[in-house]
Amino acid sequence: MSLSLVKQGAEALLTVTDNGIGISQSDLPRLFDRFYRADESRSRQSGSGLGLSIARQLVHLHGGKIWILNNPNGGITVNITIPLVVQSI
């Protein structure tokens, strides 16, 4: 797993990459849905399927974006951008 944080213009880009098995292309659009679990074989493990939904809400509340991509050689990359400039409400 690797983690990076860089400044890109007026945004911070946080990238988390792993080298696991990746995620099915058909599951990618639903990963941020509440209670969604991509891998049914993990359904006996703890967790409610809320983590990515909560992460998306927090990122959006800060004016940012979050997205997940499969890596060509396996694993995924989670990207998060957050504006560095404070916006008035």
PDB file of N, CA and C in Angstrom:
ATOM      1  N   MET A   1       0.845  -1.159   0.000  1.00  0.00           N
ATOM      2  CA  MET A   1       0.000   0.000   0.000  1.00  0.00           C
ATOM      3  C   MET A   1       0.897   1.229   0.000  1.00  0.00           C
ATOM      4  N   SER A   2       0.454   2.253  -0.706  1.00  0.00           N
ATOM      5  CA  SER A   2       1.181   3.520  -0.702  1.00  0.00           C
ATOM      6  C   SER A   2       0.196   4.662  -0.496  1.00  0.00           C
ATOM      7  N   LEU A   3       0.714   5.734   0.051  1.00  0.00           N
ATOM      8  CA  LEU A   3      -0.081   6.906   0.365  1.00  0.00           C
ATOM      9  C   LEU A   3       0.706   8.124  -0.078  1.00  0.00           C
ATOM     10  N   SER A   4       0.021   9.052  -0.760  1.00  0.00           N
ATOM     11  CA  SER A   4       0.700  10.293  -1.137  1.00  0.00           C
ATOM     12  C   SER A   4      -0.250  11.466  -0.966  1.00  0.00           C
ATOM     13  N   LEU A   5       0.324  12.608  -0.690  1.00  0.00           N
ATOM     14  CA  LEU A   5      -0.422  13.850  -0.562  1.00  0.00           C
ATOM     15  C   LEU A   5       0.374  14.927  -1.270  1.00  0.00           C
ATOM     16  N   VAL A   6      -0.237  15.529  -2.294  1.00  0.00           N
ATOM     17  CA  VAL A   6       0.443  16.571  -3.060  1.00  0.00           C
ATOM     18  C   VAL A   6      -0.493  17.759  -3.256  1.00  0.00           C
ATOM     19  N   LYS A   7       0.105  18.912  -3.450  1.00  0.00           N
ATOM     20  CA  LYS A   7      -0.658  20.113  -3.766  1.00  0.00           C
ATOM     21  C   LYS A   7      -0.758  20.216  -5.272  1.00  0.00           C
ATOM     22  N   GLN A   8      -1.970  20.389  -5.771  1.00  0.00           N
ATOM     23  CA  GLN A   8      -2.208  20.590  -7.208  1.00  0.00           C
ATOM     24  C   GLN A   8      -3.025  21.861  -7.366  1.00  0.00           C
ATOM     25  N   GLY A   9      -2.348  22.945  -7.638  1.00  0.00           N
ATOM     26  CA  GLY A   9      -3.041  24.224  -7.750  1.00  0.00           C
ATOM     27  C   GLY A   9      -3.653  24.602  -6.417  1.00  0.00           C
ATOM     28  N   ALA A  10      -4.953  24.813  -6.399  1.00  0.00           N
ATOM     29  CA  ALA A  10      -5.658  25.213  -5.190  1.00  0.00           C
ATOM     30  C   ALA A  10      -6.272  24.018  -4.457  1.00  0.00           C
ATOM     31  N   GLU A  11      -5.816  22.808  -4.779  1.00  0.00           N
ATOM     32  CA  GLU A  11      -6.355  21.604  -4.152  1.00  0.00           C
ATOM     33  C   GLU A  11      -5.237  20.733  -3.585  1.00  0.00           C
ATOM     34  N   ALA A  12      -5.611  19.943  -2.594  1.00  0.00           N
ATOM     35  CA  ALA A  12      -4.744  18.878  -2.099  1.00  0.00           C
ATOM     36  C   ALA A  12      -5.266  17.580  -2.700  1.00  0.00           C
ATOM     37  N   LEU A  13      -4.363  16.736  -3.183  1.00  0.00           N
ATOM     38  CA  LEU A  13      -4.732  15.435  -3.736  1.00  0.00           C
ATOM     39  C   LEU A  13      -4.137  14.357  -2.847  1.00  0.00           C
ATOM     40  N   LEU A  14      -5.009  13.586  -2.217  1.00  0.00           N
ATOM     41  CA  LEU A  14      -4.613  12.446  -1.406  1.00  0.00           C
ATOM     42  C   LEU A  14      -4.871  11.192  -2.225  1.00  0.00           C
ATOM     43  N   THR A  15      -3.857  10.348  -2.363  1.00  0.00           N
ATOM     44  CA  THR A  15      -3.970   9.120  -3.145  1.00  0.00           C
ATOM     45  C   THR A  15      -3.550   7.943  -2.277  1.00  0.00           C
ATOM     46  N   VAL A  16      -4.409   6.935  -2.219  1.00  0.00           N
ATOM     47  CA  VAL A  16      -4.112   5.693  -1.511  1.00  0.00           C
ATOM     48  C   VAL A  16      -4.194   4.571  -2.538  1.00  0.00           C
ATOM     49  N   THR A  17      -3.107   3.808  -2.665  1.00  0.00           N
ATOM     50  CA  THR A  17      -3.038   2.732  -3.649  1.00  0.00           C
ATOM     51  C   THR A  17      -2.706   1.429  -2.950  1.00  0.00           C
ATOM     52  N   ASP A  18      -3.403   0.352  -3.325  1.00  0.00           N
ATOM     53  CA  ASP A  18      -3.037  -0.967  -2.816  1.00  0.00           C
ATOM     54  C   ASP A  18      -2.773  -1.901  -3.980  1.00  0.00           C
ATOM     55  N   ASN A  19      -2.276  -3.066  -3.705  1.00  0.00           N
ATOM     56  CA  ASN A  19      -1.977  -4.021  -4.768  1.00  0.00           C
ATOM     57  C   ASN A  19      -2.758  -5.316  -4.583  1.00  0.00           C
ATOM     58  N   GLY A  20      -3.988  -5.198  -4.088  1.00  0.00           N
ATOM     59  CA  GLY A  20      -4.850  -6.356  -3.892  1.00  0.00           C
ATOM     60  C   GLY A  20      -5.426  -6.857  -5.210  1.00  0.00           C
ATOM     61  N   ILE A  21      -6.593  -7.474  -5.126  1.00  0.00           N
ATOM     62  CA  ILE A  21      -7.198  -8.094  -6.309  1.00  0.00           C
ATOM     63  C   ILE A  21      -8.003  -7.113  -7.153  1.00  0.00           C
ATOM     64  N   GLY A  22      -8.235  -5.916  -6.633  1.00  0.00           N
ATOM     65  CA  GLY A  22      -9.035  -4.945  -7.379  1.00  0.00           C
ATOM     66  C   GLY A  22     -10.508  -5.120  -7.101  1.00  0.00           C
ATOM     67  N   ILE A  23     -11.312  -4.414  -7.851  1.00  0.00           N
ATOM     68  CA  ILE A  23     -12.763  -4.422  -7.686  1.00  0.00           C
ATOM     69  C   ILE A  23     -13.389  -4.650  -9.046  1.00  0.00           C
ATOM     70  N   SER A  24     -14.416  -5.444  -9.078  1.00  0.00           N
ATOM     71  CA  SER A  24     -15.120  -5.712 -10.322  1.00  0.00           C
ATOM     72  C   SER A  24     -15.609  -4.401 -10.939  1.00  0.00           C
ATOM     73  N   GLN A  25     -15.449  -4.253 -12.239  1.00  0.00           N
ATOM     74  CA  GLN A  25     -15.905  -3.041 -12.938  1.00  0.00           C
ATOM     75  C   GLN A  25     -17.395  -2.799 -12.689  1.00  0.00           C
ATOM     76  N   SER A  26     -18.171  -3.866 -12.553  1.00  0.00           N
ATOM     77  CA  SER A  26     -19.611  -3.708 -12.319  1.00  0.00           C
ATOM     78  C   SER A  26     -19.912  -3.179 -10.918  1.00  0.00           C
ATOM     79  N   ASP A  27     -18.981  -3.353  -9.978  1.00  0.00           N
ATOM     80  CA  ASP A  27     -19.174  -2.859  -8.615  1.00  0.00           C
ATOM     81  C   ASP A  27     -18.751  -1.407  -8.438  1.00  0.00           C
ATOM     82  N   LEU A  28     -17.846  -0.920  -9.275  1.00  0.00           N
ATOM     83  CA  LEU A  28     -17.312   0.434  -9.102  1.00  0.00           C
ATOM     84  C   LEU A  28     -18.378   1.525  -8.968  1.00  0.00           C
ATOM     85  N   PRO A  29     -19.436   1.524  -9.793  1.00  0.00           N
ATOM     86  CA  PRO A  29     -20.418   2.605  -9.678  1.00  0.00           C
ATOM     87  C   PRO A  29     -21.189   2.617  -8.357  1.00  0.00           C
ATOM     88  N   ARG A  30     -21.223   1.489  -7.636  1.00  0.00           N
ATOM     89  CA  ARG A  30     -22.035   1.395  -6.426  1.00  0.00           C
ATOM     90  C   ARG A  30     -21.225   1.461  -5.138  1.00  0.00           C
ATOM     91  N   LEU A  31     -19.919   1.592  -5.226  1.00  0.00           N
ATOM     92  CA  LEU A  31     -19.070   1.523  -4.038  1.00  0.00           C
ATOM     93  C   LEU A  31     -19.414   2.546  -2.971  1.00  0.00           C
ATOM     94  N   PHE A  32     -19.937   3.687  -3.363  1.00  0.00           N
ATOM     95  CA  PHE A  32     -20.249   4.737  -2.394  1.00  0.00           C
ATOM     96  C   PHE A  32     -21.701   4.690  -1.918  1.00  0.00           C
ATOM     97  N   ASP A  33     -22.472   3.699  -2.367  1.00  0.00           N
ATOM     98  CA  ASP A  33     -23.849   3.534  -1.906  1.00  0.00           C
ATOM     99  C   ASP A  33     -23.849   3.027  -0.467  1.00  0.00           C
ATOM    100  N   ARG A  34     -24.759   3.559   0.341  1.00  0.00           N
ATOM    101  CA  ARG A  34     -24.868   3.091   1.720  1.00  0.00           C
ATOM    102  C   ARG A  34     -25.207   1.609   1.754  1.00  0.00           C
ATOM    103  N   PHE A  35     -24.561   0.882   2.629  1.00  0.00           N
ATOM    104  CA  PHE A  35     -24.770  -0.543   2.900  1.00  0.00           C
ATOM    105  C   PHE A  35     -24.335  -1.467   1.766  1.00  0.00           C
ATOM    106  N   TYR A  36     -23.714  -0.930   0.724  1.00  0.00           N
ATOM    107  CA  TYR A  36     -23.292  -1.777  -0.390  1.00  0.00           C
ATOM    108  C   TYR A  36     -21.985  -2.477  -0.054  1.00  0.00           C
ATOM    109  N   ARG A  37     -21.926  -3.759  -0.373  1.00  0.00           N
ATOM    110  CA  ARG A  37     -20.706  -4.551  -0.206  1.00  0.00           C
ATOM    111  C   ARG A  37     -20.396  -5.198  -1.542  1.00  0.00           C
ATOM    112  N   ALA A  38     -19.218  -4.939  -2.039  1.00  0.00           N
ATOM    113  CA  ALA A  38     -18.858  -5.420  -3.376  1.00  0.00           C
ATOM    114  C   ALA A  38     -18.609  -6.915  -3.405  1.00  0.00           C
ATOM    115  N   ASP A  39     -18.076  -7.470  -2.340  1.00  0.00           N
ATOM    116  CA  ASP A  39     -17.689  -8.875  -2.336  1.00  0.00           C
ATOM    117  C   ASP A  39     -18.592  -9.651  -1.391  1.00  0.00           C
ATOM    118  N   GLU A  40     -19.517 -10.416  -1.949  1.00  0.00           N
ATOM    119  CA  GLU A  40     -20.463 -11.165  -1.123  1.00  0.00           C
ATOM    120  C   GLU A  40     -19.770 -12.196  -0.248  1.00  0.00           C
ATOM    121  N   SER A  41     -18.616 -12.681  -0.639  1.00  0.00           N
ATOM    122  CA  SER A  41     -17.911 -13.675   0.169  1.00  0.00           C
ATOM    123  C   SER A  41     -17.409 -13.081   1.482  1.00  0.00           C
ATOM    124  N   ARG A  42     -17.384 -11.757   1.581  1.00  0.00           N
ATOM    125  CA  ARG A  42     -16.959 -11.095   2.815  1.00  0.00           C
ATOM    126  C   ARG A  42     -18.141 -10.720   3.692  1.00  0.00           C
ATOM    127  N   SER A  43     -19.341 -11.138   3.336  1.00  0.00           N
ATOM    128  CA  SER A  43     -20.540 -10.694   4.040  1.00  0.00           C
ATOM    129  C   SER A  43     -20.586 -11.177   5.481  1.00  0.00           C
ATOM    130  N   ARG A  44     -19.803 -12.165   5.843  1.00  0.00           N
ATOM    131  CA  ARG A  44     -19.792 -12.653   7.221  1.00  0.00           C
ATOM    132  C   ARG A  44     -18.856 -11.841   8.102  1.00  0.00           C
ATOM    133  N   GLN A  45     -18.053 -10.996   7.506  1.00  0.00           N
ATOM    134  CA  GLN A  45     -17.135 -10.175   8.287  1.00  0.00           C
ATOM    135  C   GLN A  45     -17.884  -8.979   8.858  1.00  0.00           C
ATOM    136  N   SER A  46     -17.268  -8.370   9.873  1.00  0.00           N
ATOM    137  CA  SER A  46     -17.895  -7.203  10.472  1.00  0.00           C
ATOM    138  C   SER A  46     -17.872  -6.039   9.488  1.00  0.00           C
ATOM    139  N   GLY A  47     -18.679  -5.055   9.770  1.00  0.00           N
ATOM    140  CA  GLY A  47     -18.781  -3.887   8.902  1.00  0.00           C
ATOM    141  C   GLY A  47     -20.182  -3.769   8.361  1.00  0.00           C
ATOM    142  N   SER A  48     -20.579  -2.536   8.134  1.00  0.00           N
ATOM    143  CA  SER A  48     -21.952  -2.300   7.719  1.00  0.00           C
ATOM    144  C   SER A  48     -22.081  -1.811   6.289  1.00  0.00           C
ATOM    145  N   GLY A  49     -20.972  -1.577   5.606  1.00  0.00           N
ATOM    146  CA  GLY A  49     -21.039  -1.040   4.252  1.00  0.00           C
ATOM    147  C   GLY A  49     -21.283   0.449   4.236  1.00  0.00           C
ATOM    148  N   LEU A  50     -20.926   1.136   5.313  1.00  0.00           N
ATOM    149  CA  LEU A  50     -21.143   2.576   5.399  1.00  0.00           C
ATOM    150  C   LEU A  50     -19.870   3.406   5.221  1.00  0.00           C
ATOM    151  N   GLY A  51     -18.704   2.797   5.333  1.00  0.00           N
ATOM    152  CA  GLY A  51     -17.446   3.541   5.349  1.00  0.00           C
ATOM    153  C   GLY A  51     -17.233   4.456   4.160  1.00  0.00           C
ATOM    154  N   LEU A  52     -17.379   3.944   2.948  1.00  0.00           N
ATOM    155  CA  LEU A  52     -17.148   4.777   1.757  1.00  0.00           C
ATOM    156  C   LEU A  52     -18.247   5.815   1.564  1.00  0.00           C
ATOM    157  N   SER A  53     -19.461   5.490   1.985  1.00  0.00           N
ATOM    158  CA  SER A  53     -20.555   6.459   1.910  1.00  0.00           C
ATOM    159  C   SER A  53     -20.278   7.639   2.839  1.00  0.00           C
ATOM    160  N   ILE A  54     -19.815   7.341   4.041  1.00  0.00           N
ATOM    161  CA  ILE A  54     -19.471   8.400   4.993  1.00  0.00           C
ATOM    162  C   ILE A  54     -18.278   9.201   4.478  1.00  0.00           C
ATOM    163  N   ALA A  55     -17.282   8.512   3.945  1.00  0.00           N
ATOM    164  CA  ALA A  55     -16.110   9.207   3.398  1.00  0.00           C
ATOM    165  C   ALA A  55     -16.527  10.177   2.297  1.00  0.00           C
ATOM    166  N   ARG A  56     -17.406   9.729   1.409  1.00  0.00           N
ATOM    167  CA  ARG A  56     -17.866  10.602   0.317  1.00  0.00           C
ATOM    168  C   ARG A  56     -18.577  11.835   0.874  1.00  0.00           C
ATOM    169  N   GLN A  57     -19.426  11.645   1.883  1.00  0.00           N
ATOM    170  CA  GLN A  57     -20.137  12.783   2.480  1.00  0.00           C
ATOM    171  C   GLN A  57     -19.160  13.784   3.079  1.00  0.00           C
ATOM    172  N   LEU A  58     -18.167  13.296   3.818  1.00  0.00           N
ATOM    173  CA  LEU A  58     -17.187  14.188   4.438  1.00  0.00           C
ATOM    174  C   LEU A  58     -16.385  14.955   3.397  1.00  0.00           C
ATOM    175  N   VAL A  59     -15.971  14.256   2.348  1.00  0.00           N
ATOM    176  CA  VAL A  59     -15.211  14.903   1.281  1.00  0.00           C
ATOM    177  C   VAL A  59     -16.069  15.961   0.593  1.00  0.00           C
ATOM    178  N   HIS A  60     -17.320  15.643   0.301  1.00  0.00           N
ATOM    179  CA  HIS A  60     -18.210  16.606  -0.361  1.00  0.00           C
ATOM    180  C   HIS A  60     -18.504  17.811   0.538  1.00  0.00           C
ATOM    181  N   LEU A  61     -18.646  17.581   1.849  1.00  0.00           N
ATOM    182  CA  LEU A  61     -18.874  18.689   2.776  1.00  0.00           C
ATOM    183  C   LEU A  61     -17.699  19.668   2.796  1.00  0.00           C
ATOM    184  N   HIS A  62     -16.521  19.179   2.462  1.00  0.00           N
ATOM    185  CA  HIS A  62     -15.338  20.032   2.380  1.00  0.00           C
ATOM    186  C   HIS A  62     -15.109  20.558   0.962  1.00  0.00           C
ATOM    187  N   GLY A  63     -16.068  20.334   0.069  1.00  0.00           N
ATOM    188  CA  GLY A  63     -15.968  20.845  -1.291  1.00  0.00           C
ATOM    189  C   GLY A  63     -15.077  20.024  -2.196  1.00  0.00           C
ATOM    190  N   GLY A  64     -14.808  18.778  -1.823  1.00  0.00           N
ATOM    191  CA  GLY A  64     -13.895  17.947  -2.598  1.00  0.00           C
ATOM    192  C   GLY A  64     -14.576  16.856  -3.392  1.00  0.00           C
ATOM    193  N   LYS A  65     -13.755  15.980  -3.939  1.00  0.00           N
ATOM    194  CA  LYS A  65     -14.220  14.854  -4.751  1.00  0.00           C
ATOM    195  C   LYS A  65     -13.476  13.598  -4.309  1.00  0.00           C
ATOM    196  N   ILE A  66     -14.126  12.449  -4.457  1.00  0.00           N
ATOM    197  CA  ILE A  66     -13.498  11.167  -4.167  1.00  0.00           C
ATOM    198  C   ILE A  66     -13.882  10.198  -5.272  1.00  0.00           C
ATOM    199  N   TRP A  67     -12.906   9.418  -5.739  1.00  0.00           N
ATOM    200  CA  TRP A  67     -13.193   8.415  -6.763  1.00  0.00           C
ATOM    201  C   TRP A  67     -12.204   7.264  -6.634  1.00  0.00           C
ATOM    202  N   ILE A  68     -12.614   6.119  -7.158  1.00  0.00           N
ATOM    203  CA  ILE A  68     -11.814   4.901  -7.061  1.00  0.00           C
ATOM    204  C   ILE A  68     -11.594   4.340  -8.456  1.00  0.00           C
ATOM    205  N   LEU A  69     -10.359   3.926  -8.725  1.00  0.00           N
ATOM    206  CA  LEU A  69      -9.994   3.337 -10.015  1.00  0.00           C
ATOM    207  C   LEU A  69      -9.300   2.002  -9.786  1.00  0.00           C
ATOM    208  N   ASN A  70      -9.525   1.050 -10.684  1.00  0.00           N
ATOM    209  CA  ASN A  70      -8.753  -0.184 -10.682  1.00  0.00           C
ATOM    210  C   ASN A  70      -7.394   0.092 -11.307  1.00  0.00           C
ATOM    211  N   ASN A  71      -6.370  -0.516 -10.761  1.00  0.00           N
ATOM    212  CA  ASN A  71      -5.031  -0.396 -11.324  1.00  0.00           C
ATOM    213  C   ASN A  71      -4.831  -1.479 -12.377  1.00  0.00           C
ATOM    214  N   PRO A  72      -4.096  -1.196 -13.435  1.00  0.00           N
ATOM    215  CA  PRO A  72      -3.900  -2.179 -14.508  1.00  0.00           C
ATOM    216  C   PRO A  72      -3.300  -3.509 -14.041  1.00  0.00           C
ATOM    217  N   ASN A  73      -2.424  -3.468 -13.045  1.00  0.00           N
ATOM    218  CA  ASN A  73      -1.764  -4.691 -12.582  1.00  0.00           C
ATOM    219  C   ASN A  73      -2.373  -5.239 -11.294  1.00  0.00           C
ATOM    220  N   GLY A  74      -3.594  -4.845 -10.974  1.00  0.00           N
ATOM    221  CA  GLY A  74      -4.268  -5.296  -9.758  1.00  0.00           C
ATOM    222  C   GLY A  74      -4.301  -4.210  -8.708  1.00  0.00           C
ATOM    223  N   GLY A  75      -5.235  -4.330  -7.796  1.00  0.00           N
ATOM    224  CA  GLY A  75      -5.390  -3.343  -6.743  1.00  0.00           C
ATOM    225  C   GLY A  75      -6.222  -2.161  -7.195  1.00  0.00           C
ATOM    226  N   ILE A  76      -6.375  -1.222  -6.291  1.00  0.00           N
ATOM    227  CA  ILE A  76      -7.163  -0.021  -6.576  1.00  0.00           C
ATOM    228  C   ILE A  76      -6.394   1.218  -6.140  1.00  0.00           C
ATOM    229  N   THR A  77      -6.849   2.348  -6.636  1.00  0.00           N
ATOM    230  CA  THR A  77      -6.375   3.645  -6.183  1.00  0.00           C
ATOM    231  C   THR A  77      -7.583   4.481  -5.795  1.00  0.00           C
ATOM    232  N   VAL A  78      -7.547   5.003  -4.573  1.00  0.00           N
ATOM    233  CA  VAL A  78      -8.587   5.915  -4.088  1.00  0.00           C
ATOM    234  C   VAL A  78      -7.990   7.309  -4.143  1.00  0.00           C
ATOM    235  N   ASN A  79      -8.664   8.218  -4.828  1.00  0.00           N
ATOM    236  CA  ASN A  79      -8.218   9.601  -4.971  1.00  0.00           C
ATOM    237  C   ASN A  79      -9.203  10.522  -4.268  1.00  0.00           C
ATOM    238  N   ILE A  80      -8.655  11.474  -3.526  1.00  0.00           N
ATOM    239  CA  ILE A  80      -9.488  12.471  -2.843  1.00  0.00           C
ATOM    240  C   ILE A  80      -8.874  13.842  -3.112  1.00  0.00           C
ATOM    241  N   THR A  81      -9.694  14.772  -3.572  1.00  0.00           N
ATOM    242  CA  THR A  81      -9.243  16.155  -3.700  1.00  0.00           C
ATOM    243  C   THR A  81     -10.044  17.011  -2.721  1.00  0.00           C
ATOM    244  N   ILE A  82      -9.339  17.953  -2.098  1.00  0.00           N
ATOM    245  CA  ILE A  82      -9.958  18.887  -1.167  1.00  0.00           C
ATOM    246  C   ILE A  82      -9.419  20.279  -1.509  1.00  0.00           C
ATOM    247  N   PRO A  83     -10.309  21.274  -1.650  1.00  0.00           N
ATOM    248  CA  PRO A  83      -9.829  22.630  -1.916  1.00  0.00           C
ATOM    249  C   PRO A  83      -8.989  23.141  -0.743  1.00  0.00           C
ATOM    250  N   LEU A  84      -7.918  23.857  -1.054  1.00  0.00           N
ATOM    251  CA  LEU A  84      -7.064  24.441  -0.017  1.00  0.00           C
ATOM    252  C   LEU A  84      -7.531  25.836   0.379  1.00  0.00           C
ATOM    253  N   VAL A  85      -8.349  26.443  -0.439  1.00  0.00           N
ATOM    254  CA  VAL A  85      -8.866  27.791  -0.176  1.00  0.00           C
ATOM    255  C   VAL A  85     -10.188  27.665   0.560  1.00  0.00           C
ATOM    256  N   VAL A  86     -10.312  28.364   1.657  1.00  0.00           N
ATOM    257  CA  VAL A  86     -11.553  28.329   2.430  1.00  0.00           C
ATOM    258  C   VAL A  86     -12.595  29.156   1.693  1.00  0.00           C
ATOM    259  N   GLN A  87     -13.762  28.543   1.471  1.00  0.00           N
ATOM    260  CA  GLN A  87     -14.847  29.237   0.782  1.00  0.00           C
ATOM    261  C   GLN A  87     -15.848  29.718   1.824  1.00  0.00           C
ATOM    262  N   SER A  88     -16.336  30.939   1.671  1.00  0.00           N
ATOM    263  CA  SER A  88     -17.332  31.455   2.608  1.00  0.00           C
ATOM    264  C   SER A  88     -18.686  30.840   2.299  1.00  0.00           C
ATOM    265  N   ILE A  89     -19.460  30.712   3.336  1.00  0.00           N
ATOM    266  CA  ILE A  89     -20.780  30.076   3.195  1.00  0.00           C
ATOM    267  C   ILE A  89     -21.854  31.100   2.968  1.00  0.00           C
TER     268      ILE A  89
END
